[in-house]
């Protein structure tokens, strides 16, 4: 079993799809923060739906990976063989509407605590 964070995003969904196609069980974690920050152009729900239609046995966990306590429950319950931390939280530069990426530190911390 491979747990993929950011499973509805560009890289996370590609990782999930690749492992699904190889017969792996790939639960995903995502909470579409891009949709909040970037509005409809950044929304990733369409990709989450696409994966579920292509792989009906897929499981999606609506979790904010910055919330350690919320993520540890599914991680401990599922006990994945590996975690692919592809969830990157959009953030803002000071006084600027452009989005940048940041925030994966907590995911690595969660991975280390379950290893």
Protein backbone atom coordinates (compact mmCIF):
# COMPACT_ATOMS: atom_id res chain seq x y z
CA UNK A 1 0.00 0.00 0.00
CA UNK A 2 1.25 3.45 -0.97
CA UNK A 3 -0.20 6.58 0.67
CA UNK A 4 0.01 9.65 -1.56
CA UNK A 5 -0.50 13.12 -0.15
CA UNK A 6 -1.57 15.74 -2.63
CA UNK A 7 -3.23 12.92 -4.56
CA UNK A 8 -5.53 15.25 -6.49
CA UNK A 9 -2.74 17.53 -7.66
CA UNK A 10 -0.59 17.24 -10.75
CA UNK A 11 2.32 15.16 -9.46
CA UNK A 12 0.42 13.30 -6.73
CA UNK A 13 -2.31 12.15 -9.12
CA UNK A 14 0.28 10.93 -11.63
CA UNK A 15 2.08 8.98 -8.90
CA UNK A 16 -1.23 7.50 -7.70
CA UNK A 17 -2.29 6.56 -11.22
CA UNK A 18 1.04 4.90 -11.96
CA UNK A 19 0.85 2.72 -8.86
CA UNK A 20 -2.86 1.95 -9.37
CA UNK A 21 -1.97 0.69 -12.84
CA UNK A 22 0.60 -1.65 -11.28
CA UNK A 23 -2.02 -3.13 -8.96
CA UNK A 24 -1.18 -1.23 -5.79
CA UNK A 25 -3.77 0.00 -3.30
CA UNK A 26 -3.19 3.75 -3.19
CA UNK A 27 -5.22 5.75 -0.69
CA UNK A 28 -4.92 9.46 -1.29
CA UNK A 29 -4.87 12.51 0.94
CA UNK A 30 -5.79 15.94 -0.36
CA UNK A 31 -7.96 18.85 0.70
CA UNK A 32 -7.89 21.12 -2.34
CA UNK A 33 -6.25 24.12 -0.71
CA UNK A 34 -5.35 25.21 -4.23
CA UNK A 35 -9.06 25.78 -4.83
CA UNK A 36 -9.21 28.06 -1.80
CA UNK A 37 -6.16 30.10 -2.76
CA UNK A 38 -6.37 30.10 -6.53
CA UNK A 39 -10.17 29.86 -6.87
CA UNK A 40 -11.68 27.81 -9.75
CA UNK A 41 -8.58 27.84 -11.96
CA UNK A 42 -6.62 26.05 -9.21
CA UNK A 43 -9.33 23.65 -8.04
CA UNK A 44 -8.28 19.98 -8.19
CA UNK A 45 -11.62 18.27 -7.49
CA UNK A 46 -11.97 17.37 -11.17
CA UNK A 47 -8.76 15.34 -10.91
CA UNK A 48 -9.94 13.61 -7.73
CA UNK A 49 -13.16 12.62 -9.55
CA UNK A 50 -11.18 11.48 -12.60
CA UNK A 51 -9.08 9.14 -10.47
CA UNK A 52 -12.11 7.75 -8.70
CA UNK A 53 -13.86 7.04 -12.01
CA UNK A 54 -10.76 5.35 -13.42
CA UNK A 55 -10.07 3.41 -10.18
CA UNK A 56 -13.41 2.84 -8.38
CA UNK A 57 -11.69 1.14 -5.42
CA UNK A 58 -9.69 4.27 -4.71
CA UNK A 59 -10.04 5.91 -1.32
CA UNK A 60 -9.72 9.62 -0.73
CA UNK A 61 -9.07 11.20 2.67
CA UNK A 62 -10.06 14.86 2.91
CA UNK A 63 -7.28 16.02 5.25
CA UNK A 64 -5.05 19.03 5.68
CA UNK A 65 -1.53 17.61 5.87
CA UNK A 66 -0.49 20.54 8.06
CA UNK A 67 -2.72 19.04 10.78
CA UNK A 68 -0.48 16.34 12.19
CA UNK A 69 -3.11 14.82 14.50
CA UNK A 70 -5.65 14.52 11.67
CA UNK A 71 -3.19 12.77 9.37
CA UNK A 72 -1.67 10.40 11.92
CA UNK A 73 -5.01 8.58 12.40
CA UNK A 74 -5.29 7.33 8.80
CA UNK A 75 -1.54 6.72 8.61
CA UNK A 76 -1.61 4.53 11.70
CA UNK A 77 -4.83 2.80 10.60
CA UNK A 78 -3.68 2.10 7.04
CA UNK A 79 -0.05 1.38 7.92
CA UNK A 80 1.20 2.06 4.37
CA UNK A 81 4.41 0.52 3.04
CA UNK A 82 5.46 3.98 1.93
CA UNK A 83 4.23 7.56 1.89
CA UNK A 84 4.77 9.77 -1.14
CA UNK A 85 4.60 13.36 0.16
CA UNK A 86 3.46 15.26 -2.92
CA UNK A 87 1.04 17.60 -1.16
CA UNK A 88 2.42 21.12 -1.37
CA UNK A 89 0.41 23.89 0.18
CA UNK A 90 0.03 27.07 -1.84
CA UNK A 91 1.04 30.11 0.14
CA UNK A 92 1.31 33.80 -0.57
CA UNK A 93 4.25 36.12 -0.85
CA UNK A 94 3.89 39.20 1.29
CA UNK A 95 1.48 41.68 -0.31
CA UNK A 96 1.37 39.74 -3.57
CA UNK A 97 -1.43 37.73 -5.16
CA UNK A 98 0.89 35.25 -6.87
CA UNK A 99 0.98 31.78 -5.33
CA UNK A 100 4.10 29.86 -4.44
CA UNK A 101 4.69 26.47 -2.91
CA UNK A 102 5.67 25.63 0.62
CA UNK A 103 4.65 23.55 3.58
CA UNK A 104 5.89 20.01 3.00
CA UNK A 105 7.95 19.96 6.19
CA UNK A 106 5.04 18.63 8.24
CA UNK A 107 4.50 15.75 5.81
CA UNK A 108 8.11 14.64 6.12
CA UNK A 109 7.77 14.87 9.89
CA UNK A 110 4.71 12.61 9.78
CA UNK A 111 6.53 10.14 7.55
CA UNK A 112 9.52 10.04 9.91
CA UNK A 113 7.31 9.44 12.93
CA UNK A 114 5.72 6.38 11.29
CA UNK A 115 8.92 4.83 9.94
